[in-house]
mmCIF file of all heavy atoms, coordinates in Angstrom:
data_MODEL
# 
_entry.id   MODEL 
# 
loop_
_atom_site.group_PDB 
_atom_site.id 
_atom_site.type_symbol 
_atom_site.label_atom_id 
_atom_site.label_alt_id 
_atom_site.label_comp_id 
_atom_site.label_asym_id 
_atom_site.label_entity_id 
_atom_site.label_seq_id 
_atom_site.pdbx_PDB_ins_code 
_atom_site.Cartn_x 
_atom_site.Cartn_y 
_atom_site.Cartn_z 
_atom_site.occupancy 
_atom_site.B_iso_or_equiv 
_atom_site.pdbx_formal_charge 
_atom_site.auth_seq_id 
_atom_site.auth_comp_id 
_atom_site.auth_asym_id 
_atom_site.auth_atom_id 
_atom_site.pdbx_PDB_model_num 
ATOM 1   N N   . PHE A 1 1  ? 125.697 72.426 54.544 1.00 0.00 ? 1  PHE A N   1 
ATOM 2   C CA  . PHE A 1 1  ? 126.573 71.952 55.674 1.00 0.00 ? 1  PHE A CA  1 
ATOM 3   C C   . PHE A 1 1  ? 126.378 72.886 56.893 1.00 0.00 ? 1  PHE A C   1 
ATOM 4   O O   . PHE A 1 1  ? 126.189 72.517 58.013 1.00 0.00 ? 1  PHE A O   1 
ATOM 5   C CB  . PHE A 1 1  ? 127.958 71.953 55.377 1.00 0.00 ? 1  PHE A CB  1 
ATOM 6   C CG  . PHE A 1 1  ? 128.896 71.493 56.371 1.00 0.00 ? 1  PHE A CG  1 
ATOM 7   C CD1 . PHE A 1 1  ? 128.727 70.340 57.143 1.00 0.00 ? 1  PHE A CD1 1 
ATOM 8   C CD2 . PHE A 1 1  ? 130.109 72.201 56.691 1.00 0.00 ? 1  PHE A CD2 1 
ATOM 9   C CE1 . PHE A 1 1  ? 129.578 69.930 58.124 1.00 0.00 ? 1  PHE A CE1 1 
ATOM 10  C CE2 . PHE A 1 1  ? 130.914 71.754 57.628 1.00 0.00 ? 1  PHE A CE2 1 
ATOM 11  C CZ  . PHE A 1 1  ? 130.700 70.640 58.400 1.00 0.00 ? 1  PHE A CZ  1 
ATOM 12  N N   . GLU A 1 2  ? 126.321 74.258 56.733 1.00 0.00 ? 2  GLU A N   1 
ATOM 13  C CA  . GLU A 1 2  ? 126.156 75.164 57.780 1.00 0.00 ? 2  GLU A CA  1 
ATOM 14  C C   . GLU A 1 2  ? 124.699 75.058 58.336 1.00 0.00 ? 2  GLU A C   1 
ATOM 15  O O   . GLU A 1 2  ? 124.478 75.181 59.557 1.00 0.00 ? 2  GLU A O   1 
ATOM 16  C CB  . GLU A 1 2  ? 126.301 76.629 57.169 1.00 0.00 ? 2  GLU A CB  1 
ATOM 17  C CG  . GLU A 1 2  ? 127.746 76.845 56.867 1.00 0.00 ? 2  GLU A CG  1 
ATOM 18  C CD  . GLU A 1 2  ? 128.753 76.679 57.998 1.00 0.00 ? 2  GLU A CD  1 
ATOM 19  O OE1 . GLU A 1 2  ? 128.355 77.068 59.124 1.00 0.00 ? 2  GLU A OE1 1 
ATOM 20  O OE2 . GLU A 1 2  ? 129.789 76.219 57.818 1.00 0.00 ? 2  GLU A OE2 1 
ATOM 21  N N   . ILE A 1 3  ? 123.704 74.870 57.508 1.00 0.00 ? 3  ILE A N   1 
ATOM 22  C CA  . ILE A 1 3  ? 122.331 74.635 57.959 1.00 0.00 ? 3  ILE A CA  1 
ATOM 23  C C   . ILE A 1 3  ? 122.229 73.393 58.855 1.00 0.00 ? 3  ILE A C   1 
ATOM 24  O O   . ILE A 1 3  ? 121.524 73.381 59.866 1.00 0.00 ? 3  ILE A O   1 
ATOM 25  C CB  . ILE A 1 3  ? 121.451 74.462 56.745 1.00 0.00 ? 3  ILE A CB  1 
ATOM 26  C CG1 . ILE A 1 3  ? 121.163 75.847 56.081 1.00 0.00 ? 3  ILE A CG1 1 
ATOM 27  C CG2 . ILE A 1 3  ? 119.939 73.973 57.289 1.00 0.00 ? 3  ILE A CG2 1 
ATOM 28  C CD1 . ILE A 1 3  ? 120.450 76.887 56.945 1.00 0.00 ? 3  ILE A CD1 1 
ATOM 29  N N   . THR A 1 4  ? 122.896 72.339 58.453 1.00 0.00 ? 4  THR A N   1 
ATOM 30  C CA  . THR A 1 4  ? 122.918 71.105 59.281 1.00 0.00 ? 4  THR A CA  1 
ATOM 31  C C   . THR A 1 4  ? 123.559 71.237 60.600 1.00 0.00 ? 4  THR A C   1 
ATOM 32  O O   . THR A 1 4  ? 123.000 70.899 61.571 1.00 0.00 ? 4  THR A O   1 
ATOM 33  C CB  . THR A 1 4  ? 123.628 69.923 58.480 1.00 0.00 ? 4  THR A CB  1 
ATOM 34  O OG1 . THR A 1 4  ? 123.029 69.734 57.241 1.00 0.00 ? 4  THR A OG1 1 
ATOM 35  C CG2 . THR A 1 4  ? 123.712 68.716 59.323 1.00 0.00 ? 4  THR A CG2 1 
ATOM 36  N N   . LYS A 1 5  ? 124.713 72.067 60.594 1.00 0.00 ? 5  LYS A N   1 
ATOM 37  C CA  . LYS A 1 5  ? 125.371 72.387 61.843 1.00 0.00 ? 5  LYS A CA  1 
ATOM 38  C C   . LYS A 1 5  ? 124.386 73.254 62.790 1.00 0.00 ? 5  LYS A C   1 
ATOM 39  O O   . LYS A 1 5  ? 124.359 72.975 63.913 1.00 0.00 ? 5  LYS A O   1 
ATOM 40  C CB  . LYS A 1 5  ? 126.622 73.140 61.615 1.00 0.00 ? 5  LYS A CB  1 
ATOM 41  C CG  . LYS A 1 5  ? 127.778 72.321 61.021 1.00 0.00 ? 5  LYS A CG  1 
ATOM 42  C CD  . LYS A 1 5  ? 128.896 73.280 60.446 1.00 0.00 ? 5  LYS A CD  1 
ATOM 43  C CE  . LYS A 1 5  ? 129.261 74.272 61.375 1.00 0.00 ? 5  LYS A CE  1 
ATOM 44  N NZ  . LYS A 1 5  ? 130.312 75.249 60.796 1.00 0.00 ? 5  LYS A NZ  1 
ATOM 45  N N   . HIS A 1 6  ? 123.760 74.141 62.132 1.00 0.00 ? 6  HIS A N   1 
ATOM 46  C CA  . HIS A 1 6  ? 122.835 75.051 62.862 1.00 0.00 ? 6  HIS A CA  1 
ATOM 47  C C   . HIS A 1 6  ? 121.669 74.190 63.529 1.00 0.00 ? 6  HIS A C   1 
ATOM 48  O O   . HIS A 1 6  ? 121.391 74.345 64.742 1.00 0.00 ? 6  HIS A O   1 
ATOM 49  C CB  . HIS A 1 6  ? 122.190 76.037 61.973 1.00 0.00 ? 6  HIS A CB  1 
ATOM 50  C CG  . HIS A 1 6  ? 121.134 76.983 62.597 1.00 0.00 ? 6  HIS A CG  1 
ATOM 51  N ND1 . HIS A 1 6  ? 121.447 78.164 63.179 1.00 0.00 ? 6  HIS A ND1 1 
ATOM 52  C CD2 . HIS A 1 6  ? 119.878 76.781 62.717 1.00 0.00 ? 6  HIS A CD2 1 
ATOM 53  C CE1 . HIS A 1 6  ? 120.386 78.692 63.639 1.00 0.00 ? 6  HIS A CE1 1 
ATOM 54  N NE2 . HIS A 1 6  ? 119.338 77.907 63.344 1.00 0.00 ? 6  HIS A NE2 1 
ATOM 55  N N   . GLU A 1 7  ? 121.133 73.208 62.766 1.00 0.00 ? 7  GLU A N   1 
ATOM 56  C CA  . GLU A 1 7  ? 120.103 72.421 63.320 1.00 0.00 ? 7  GLU A CA  1 
ATOM 57  C C   . GLU A 1 7  ? 120.550 71.498 64.484 1.00 0.00 ? 7  GLU A C   1 
ATOM 58  O O   . GLU A 1 7  ? 119.908 71.439 65.449 1.00 0.00 ? 7  GLU A O   1 
ATOM 59  C CB  . GLU A 1 7  ? 119.491 71.502 62.234 1.00 0.00 ? 7  GLU A CB  1 
ATOM 60  C CG  . GLU A 1 7  ? 118.786 72.348 61.124 1.00 0.00 ? 7  GLU A CG  1 
ATOM 61  C CD  . GLU A 1 7  ? 118.395 71.488 59.899 1.00 0.00 ? 7  GLU A CD  1 
ATOM 62  O OE1 . GLU A 1 7  ? 118.828 70.298 59.818 1.00 0.00 ? 7  GLU A OE1 1 
ATOM 63  O OE2 . GLU A 1 7  ? 117.711 71.962 59.005 1.00 0.00 ? 7  GLU A OE2 1 
ATOM 64  N N   . LEU A 1 8  ? 121.761 70.969 64.319 1.00 0.00 ? 8  LEU A N   1 
ATOM 65  C CA  . LEU A 1 8  ? 122.221 70.158 65.314 1.00 0.00 ? 8  LEU A CA  1 
ATOM 66  C C   . LEU A 1 8  ? 122.651 70.894 66.599 1.00 0.00 ? 8  LEU A C   1 
ATOM 67  O O   . LEU A 1 8  ? 122.331 70.458 67.707 1.00 0.00 ? 8  LEU A O   1 
ATOM 68  C CB  . LEU A 1 8  ? 123.519 69.356 64.810 1.00 0.00 ? 8  LEU A CB  1 
ATOM 69  C CG  . LEU A 1 8  ? 123.306 68.318 63.763 1.00 0.00 ? 8  LEU A CG  1 
ATOM 70  C CD1 . LEU A 1 8  ? 124.665 67.747 63.224 1.00 0.00 ? 8  LEU A CD1 1 
ATOM 71  C CD2 . LEU A 1 8  ? 122.420 67.218 64.285 1.00 0.00 ? 8  LEU A CD2 1 
ATOM 72  N N   . PHE A 1 9  ? 123.108 72.027 66.413 1.00 0.00 ? 9  PHE A N   1 
ATOM 73  C CA  . PHE A 1 9  ? 123.371 72.913 67.588 1.00 0.00 ? 9  PHE A CA  1 
ATOM 74  C C   . PHE A 1 9  ? 122.074 73.332 68.302 1.00 0.00 ? 9  PHE A C   1 
ATOM 75  O O   . PHE A 1 9  ? 121.987 73.206 69.503 1.00 0.00 ? 9  PHE A O   1 
ATOM 76  C CB  . PHE A 1 9  ? 124.083 74.265 67.157 1.00 0.00 ? 9  PHE A CB  1 
ATOM 77  C CG  . PHE A 1 9  ? 124.583 75.033 68.345 1.00 0.00 ? 9  PHE A CG  1 
ATOM 78  C CD1 . PHE A 1 9  ? 125.786 74.879 68.852 1.00 0.00 ? 9  PHE A CD1 1 
ATOM 79  C CD2 . PHE A 1 9  ? 123.811 76.079 68.767 1.00 0.00 ? 9  PHE A CD2 1 
ATOM 80  C CE1 . PHE A 1 9  ? 126.247 75.736 69.929 1.00 0.00 ? 9  PHE A CE1 1 
ATOM 81  C CE2 . PHE A 1 9  ? 124.165 76.859 69.829 1.00 0.00 ? 9  PHE A CE2 1 
ATOM 82  C CZ  . PHE A 1 9  ? 125.457 76.624 70.386 1.00 0.00 ? 9  PHE A CZ  1 
ATOM 83  N N   . GLN A 1 10 ? 121.080 73.623 67.545 1.00 0.00 ? 10 GLN A N   1 
ATOM 84  C CA  . GLN A 1 10 ? 119.759 73.950 68.176 1.00 0.00 ? 10 GLN A CA  1 
ATOM 85  C C   . GLN A 1 10 ? 119.142 72.743 68.951 1.00 0.00 ? 10 GLN A C   1 
ATOM 86  O O   . GLN A 1 10 ? 118.651 72.892 70.049 1.00 0.00 ? 10 GLN A O   1 
ATOM 87  C CB  . GLN A 1 10 ? 118.850 74.478 67.066 1.00 0.00 ? 10 GLN A CB  1 
ATOM 88  C CG  . GLN A 1 10 ? 117.356 74.556 67.505 1.00 0.00 ? 10 GLN A CG  1 
ATOM 89  C CD  . GLN A 1 10 ? 117.097 75.589 68.518 1.00 0.00 ? 10 GLN A CD  1 
ATOM 90  O OE1 . GLN A 1 10 ? 117.858 76.480 68.736 1.00 0.00 ? 10 GLN A OE1 1 
ATOM 91  N NE2 . GLN A 1 10 ? 115.963 75.480 69.154 1.00 0.00 ? 10 GLN A NE2 1 
ATOM 92  N N   . GLU A 1 11 ? 119.231 71.623 68.286 1.00 0.00 ? 11 GLU A N   1 
ATOM 93  C CA  . GLU A 1 11 ? 118.529 70.455 68.872 1.00 0.00 ? 11 GLU A CA  1 
ATOM 94  C C   . GLU A 1 11 ? 119.354 69.835 69.952 1.00 0.00 ? 11 GLU A C   1 
ATOM 95  O O   . GLU A 1 11 ? 118.854 69.375 70.970 1.00 0.00 ? 11 GLU A O   1 
ATOM 96  C CB  . GLU A 1 11 ? 118.358 69.376 67.793 1.00 0.00 ? 11 GLU A CB  1 
ATOM 97  C CG  . GLU A 1 11 ? 117.428 69.860 66.648 1.00 0.00 ? 11 GLU A CG  1 
ATOM 98  C CD  . GLU A 1 11 ? 117.528 68.938 65.363 1.00 0.00 ? 11 GLU A CD  1 
ATOM 99  O OE1 . GLU A 1 11 ? 118.105 67.788 65.489 1.00 0.00 ? 11 GLU A OE1 1 
ATOM 100 O OE2 . GLU A 1 11 ? 116.985 69.207 64.340 1.00 0.00 ? 11 GLU A OE2 1 
ATOM 101 N N   . ARG A 1 12 ? 120.629 69.812 69.827 1.00 0.00 ? 12 ARG A N   1 
ATOM 102 C CA  . ARG A 1 12 ? 121.463 69.055 70.693 1.00 0.00 ? 12 ARG A CA  1 
ATOM 103 C C   . ARG A 1 12 ? 122.126 69.804 71.823 1.00 0.00 ? 12 ARG A C   1 
ATOM 104 O O   . ARG A 1 12 ? 122.437 69.216 72.925 1.00 0.00 ? 12 ARG A O   1 
ATOM 105 C CB  . ARG A 1 12 ? 122.558 68.263 69.971 1.00 0.00 ? 12 ARG A CB  1 
ATOM 106 C CG  . ARG A 1 12 ? 122.004 67.318 68.914 1.00 0.00 ? 12 ARG A CG  1 
ATOM 107 C CD  . ARG A 1 12 ? 123.099 66.569 68.271 1.00 0.00 ? 12 ARG A CD  1 
ATOM 108 N NE  . ARG A 1 12 ? 122.506 65.421 67.419 1.00 0.00 ? 12 ARG A NE  1 
ATOM 109 C CZ  . ARG A 1 12 ? 123.217 64.585 66.667 1.00 0.00 ? 12 ARG A CZ  1 
ATOM 110 N NH1 . ARG A 1 12 ? 124.476 64.628 66.641 1.00 0.00 ? 12 ARG A NH1 1 
ATOM 111 N NH2 . ARG A 1 12 ? 122.563 63.598 66.044 1.00 0.00 ? 12 ARG A NH2 1 
ATOM 112 N N   . PHE A 1 13 ? 122.342 71.030 71.614 1.00 0.00 ? 13 PHE A N   1 
ATOM 113 C CA  . PHE A 1 13 ? 122.818 71.998 72.667 1.00 0.00 ? 13 PHE A CA  1 
ATOM 114 C C   . PHE A 1 13 ? 121.689 72.859 73.278 1.00 0.00 ? 13 PHE A C   1 
ATOM 115 O O   . PHE A 1 13 ? 121.303 72.651 74.443 1.00 0.00 ? 13 PHE A O   1 
ATOM 116 C CB  . PHE A 1 13 ? 123.918 72.848 72.260 1.00 0.00 ? 13 PHE A CB  1 
ATOM 117 C CG  . PHE A 1 13 ? 124.410 73.804 73.423 1.00 0.00 ? 13 PHE A CG  1 
ATOM 118 C CD1 . PHE A 1 13 ? 125.079 73.288 74.438 1.00 0.00 ? 13 PHE A CD1 1 
ATOM 119 C CD2 . PHE A 1 13 ? 124.129 75.131 73.357 1.00 0.00 ? 13 PHE A CD2 1 
ATOM 120 C CE1 . PHE A 1 13 ? 125.572 74.111 75.459 1.00 0.00 ? 13 PHE A CE1 1 
ATOM 121 C CE2 . PHE A 1 13 ? 124.481 75.996 74.385 1.00 0.00 ? 13 PHE A CE2 1 
ATOM 122 C CZ  . PHE A 1 13 ? 125.178 75.455 75.449 1.00 0.00 ? 13 PHE A CZ  1 
ATOM 123 N N   . VAL A 1 14 ? 121.106 73.699 72.488 1.00 0.00 ? 14 VAL A N   1 
ATOM 124 C CA  . VAL A 1 14 ? 120.081 74.623 73.036 1.00 0.00 ? 14 VAL A CA  1 
ATOM 125 C C   . VAL A 1 14 ? 118.867 73.953 73.680 1.00 0.00 ? 14 VAL A C   1 
ATOM 126 O O   . VAL A 1 14 ? 118.437 74.140 74.711 1.00 0.00 ? 14 VAL A O   1 
ATOM 127 C CB  . VAL A 1 14 ? 119.637 75.618 72.005 1.00 0.00 ? 14 VAL A CB  1 
ATOM 128 C CG1 . VAL A 1 14 ? 118.545 76.542 72.422 1.00 0.00 ? 14 VAL A CG1 1 
ATOM 129 C CG2 . VAL A 1 14 ? 120.769 76.487 71.486 1.00 0.00 ? 14 VAL A CG2 1 
ATOM 130 N N   . ALA A 1 15 ? 118.323 72.931 72.842 1.00 0.00 ? 15 ALA A N   1 
ATOM 131 C CA  . ALA A 1 15 ? 117.100 72.235 73.296 1.00 0.00 ? 15 ALA A CA  1 
ATOM 132 C C   . ALA A 1 15 ? 117.544 71.301 74.514 1.00 0.00 ? 15 ALA A C   1 
ATOM 133 O O   . ALA A 1 15 ? 116.652 71.228 75.358 1.00 0.00 ? 15 ALA A O   1 
ATOM 134 C CB  . ALA A 1 15 ? 116.514 71.414 72.103 1.00 0.00 ? 15 ALA A CB  1 
ATOM 135 N N   . THR A 1 16 ? 118.636 70.715 74.514 1.00 0.00 ? 16 THR A N   1 
ATOM 136 C CA  . THR A 1 16 ? 119.020 69.806 75.623 1.00 0.00 ? 16 THR A CA  1 
ATOM 137 C C   . THR A 1 16 ? 119.161 70.657 76.822 1.00 0.00 ? 16 THR A C   1 
ATOM 138 O O   . THR A 1 16 ? 118.727 70.185 77.968 1.00 0.00 ? 16 THR A O   1 
ATOM 139 C CB  . THR A 1 16 ? 120.271 69.142 75.280 1.00 0.00 ? 16 THR A CB  1 
ATOM 140 O OG1 . THR A 1 16 ? 120.172 68.347 74.113 1.00 0.00 ? 16 THR A OG1 1 
ATOM 141 C CG2 . THR A 1 16 ? 120.681 68.183 76.468 1.00 0.00 ? 16 THR A CG2 1 
ATOM 142 N N   . PHE A 1 17 ? 119.770 71.824 76.758 1.00 0.00 ? 17 PHE A N   1 
ATOM 143 C CA  . PHE A 1 17 ? 119.876 72.758 77.944 1.00 0.00 ? 17 PHE A CA  1 
ATOM 144 C C   . PHE A 1 17 ? 118.584 73.222 78.363 1.00 0.00 ? 17 PHE A C   1 
ATOM 145 O O   . PHE A 1 17 ? 118.355 73.162 79.617 1.00 0.00 ? 17 PHE A O   1 
ATOM 146 C CB  . PHE A 1 17 ? 120.770 74.043 77.458 1.00 0.00 ? 17 PHE A CB  1 
ATOM 147 C CG  . PHE A 1 17 ? 120.953 75.015 78.486 1.00 0.00 ? 17 PHE A CG  1 
ATOM 148 C CD1 . PHE A 1 17 ? 121.200 74.673 79.741 1.00 0.00 ? 17 PHE A CD1 1 
ATOM 149 C CD2 . PHE A 1 17 ? 120.851 76.358 78.121 1.00 0.00 ? 17 PHE A CD2 1 
ATOM 150 C CE1 . PHE A 1 17 ? 121.447 75.617 80.747 1.00 0.00 ? 17 PHE A CE1 1 
ATOM 151 C CE2 . PHE A 1 17 ? 121.104 77.334 79.095 1.00 0.00 ? 17 PHE A CE2 1 
ATOM 152 C CZ  . PHE A 1 17 ? 121.398 76.985 80.440 1.00 0.00 ? 17 PHE A CZ  1 
ATOM 153 N N   . ALA A 1 18 ? 117.594 73.613 77.456 1.00 0.00 ? 18 ALA A N   1 
ATOM 154 C CA  . ALA A 1 18 ? 116.340 74.073 77.905 1.00 0.00 ? 18 ALA A CA  1 
ATOM 155 C C   . ALA A 1 18 ? 115.588 72.947 78.620 1.00 0.00 ? 18 ALA A C   1 
ATOM 156 O O   . ALA A 1 18 ? 114.861 73.218 79.572 1.00 0.00 ? 18 ALA A O   1 
ATOM 157 C CB  . ALA A 1 18 ? 115.548 74.558 76.676 1.00 0.00 ? 18 ALA A CB  1 
ATOM 158 N N   . SER A 1 19 ? 115.695 71.729 78.096 1.00 0.00 ? 19 SER A N   1 
ATOM 159 C CA  . SER A 1 19 ? 114.966 70.553 78.728 1.00 0.00 ? 19 SER A CA  1 
ATOM 160 C C   . SER A 1 19 ? 115.467 70.250 80.068 1.00 0.00 ? 19 SER A C   1 
ATOM 161 O O   . SER A 1 19 ? 114.791 69.969 80.996 1.00 0.00 ? 19 SER A O   1 
ATOM 162 C CB  . SER A 1 19 ? 115.067 69.321 77.801 1.00 0.00 ? 19 SER A CB  1 
ATOM 163 O OG  . SER A 1 19 ? 114.537 68.207 78.406 1.00 0.00 ? 19 SER A OG  1 
ATOM 164 N N   . TRP A 1 20 ? 116.866 70.317 80.236 1.00 0.00 ? 20 TRP A N   1 
ATOM 165 C CA  . TRP A 1 20 ? 117.473 70.181 81.484 1.00 0.00 ? 20 TRP A CA  1 
ATOM 166 C C   . TRP A 1 20 ? 116.959 71.181 82.540 1.00 0.00 ? 20 TRP A C   1 
ATOM 167 O O   . TRP A 1 20 ? 116.632 70.791 83.652 1.00 0.00 ? 20 TRP A O   1 
ATOM 168 C CB  . TRP A 1 20 ? 118.981 70.217 81.318 1.00 0.00 ? 20 TRP A CB  1 
ATOM 169 C CG  . TRP A 1 20 ? 119.767 70.028 82.616 1.00 0.00 ? 20 TRP A CG  1 
ATOM 170 C CD1 . TRP A 1 20 ? 120.124 68.963 83.273 1.00 0.00 ? 20 TRP A CD1 1 
ATOM 171 C CD2 . TRP A 1 20 ? 120.291 71.222 83.457 1.00 0.00 ? 20 TRP A CD2 1 
ATOM 172 N NE1 . TRP A 1 20 ? 120.857 69.305 84.448 1.00 0.00 ? 20 TRP A NE1 1 
ATOM 173 C CE2 . TRP A 1 20 ? 120.957 70.588 84.505 1.00 0.00 ? 20 TRP A CE2 1 
ATOM 174 C CE3 . TRP A 1 20 ? 120.356 72.606 83.199 1.00 0.00 ? 20 TRP A CE3 1 
ATOM 175 C CZ2 . TRP A 1 20 ? 121.693 71.330 85.389 1.00 0.00 ? 20 TRP A CZ2 1 
ATOM 176 C CZ3 . TRP A 1 20 ? 120.984 73.367 84.178 1.00 0.00 ? 20 TRP A CZ3 1 
ATOM 177 C CH2 . TRP A 1 20 ? 121.576 72.800 85.245 1.00 0.00 ? 20 TRP A CH2 1 
ATOM 178 N N   . CYS A 1 21 ? 116.813 72.455 82.164 1.00 0.00 ? 21 CYS A N   1 
ATOM 179 C CA  . CYS A 1 21 ? 116.335 73.436 83.046 1.00 0.00 ? 21 CYS A CA  1 
ATOM 180 C C   . CYS A 1 21 ? 114.860 73.129 83.430 1.00 0.00 ? 21 CYS A C   1 
ATOM 181 O O   . CYS A 1 21 ? 114.467 73.285 84.642 1.00 0.00 ? 21 CYS A O   1 
ATOM 182 C CB  . CYS A 1 21 ? 116.401 74.824 82.351 1.00 0.00 ? 21 CYS A CB  1 
ATOM 183 S SG  . CYS A 1 21 ? 118.091 75.400 82.320 1.00 0.00 ? 21 CYS A SG  1 
ATOM 184 N N   . THR A 1 22 ? 114.089 72.748 82.449 1.00 0.00 ? 22 THR A N   1 
ATOM 185 C CA  . THR A 1 22 ? 112.671 72.475 82.773 1.00 0.00 ? 22 THR A CA  1 
ATOM 186 C C   . THR A 1 22 ? 112.526 71.308 83.656 1.00 0.00 ? 22 THR A C   1 
ATOM 187 O O   . THR A 1 22 ? 111.739 71.410 84.651 1.00 0.00 ? 22 THR A O   1 
ATOM 188 C CB  . THR A 1 22 ? 111.955 72.123 81.393 1.00 0.00 ? 22 THR A CB  1 
ATOM 189 O OG1 . THR A 1 22 ? 112.006 73.281 80.479 1.00 0.00 ? 22 THR A OG1 1 
ATOM 190 C CG2 . THR A 1 22 ? 110.468 71.834 81.673 1.00 0.00 ? 22 THR A CG2 1 
ATOM 191 N N   . ARG A 1 23 ? 113.302 70.259 83.559 1.00 0.00 ? 23 ARG A N   1 
ATOM 192 C CA  . ARG A 1 23 ? 113.185 69.165 84.391 1.00 0.00 ? 23 ARG A CA  1 
ATOM 193 C C   . ARG A 1 23 ? 113.546 69.558 85.857 1.00 0.00 ? 23 ARG A C   1 
ATOM 194 O O   . ARG A 1 23 ? 113.001 69.217 86.793 1.00 0.00 ? 23 ARG A O   1 
ATOM 195 C CB  . ARG A 1 23 ? 114.177 68.014 83.980 1.00 0.00 ? 23 ARG A CB  1 
ATOM 196 C CG  . ARG A 1 23 ? 113.684 67.347 82.703 1.00 0.00 ? 23 ARG A CG  1 
ATOM 197 C CD  . ARG A 1 23 ? 114.372 65.980 82.610 1.00 0.00 ? 23 ARG A CD  1 
ATOM 198 N NE  . ARG A 1 23 ? 115.921 65.972 82.786 1.00 0.00 ? 23 ARG A NE  1 
ATOM 199 C CZ  . ARG A 1 23 ? 116.705 66.293 81.829 1.00 0.00 ? 23 ARG A CZ  1 
ATOM 200 N NH1 . ARG A 1 23 ? 116.251 66.668 80.556 1.00 0.00 ? 23 ARG A NH1 1 
ATOM 201 N NH2 . ARG A 1 23 ? 118.076 66.357 82.141 1.00 0.00 ? 23 ARG A NH2 1 
ATOM 202 N N   . ASN A 1 24 ? 114.634 70.369 85.988 1.00 0.00 ? 24 ASN A N   1 
ATOM 203 C CA  . ASN A 1 24 ? 115.099 70.810 87.332 1.00 0.00 ? 24 ASN A CA  1 
ATOM 204 C C   . ASN A 1 24 ? 114.201 71.876 87.914 1.00 0.00 ? 24 ASN A C   1 
ATOM 205 O O   . ASN A 1 24 ? 114.078 71.921 89.159 1.00 0.00 ? 24 ASN A O   1 
ATOM 206 C CB  . ASN A 1 24 ? 116.521 71.310 87.227 1.00 0.00 ? 24 ASN A CB  1 
ATOM 207 C CG  . ASN A 1 24 ? 117.595 70.236 87.175 1.00 0.00 ? 24 ASN A CG  1 
ATOM 208 O OD1 . ASN A 1 24 ? 117.825 69.599 88.144 1.00 0.00 ? 24 ASN A OD1 1 
ATOM 209 N ND2 . ASN A 1 24 ? 118.058 69.917 86.043 1.00 0.00 ? 24 ASN A ND2 1 
# 
């Protein structure tokens, strides 16, 4: 369960944030 949370946080928060910065 903790690993799944970690993956979702990485993919949905960190990666989304990084992608937004790259686009801008």
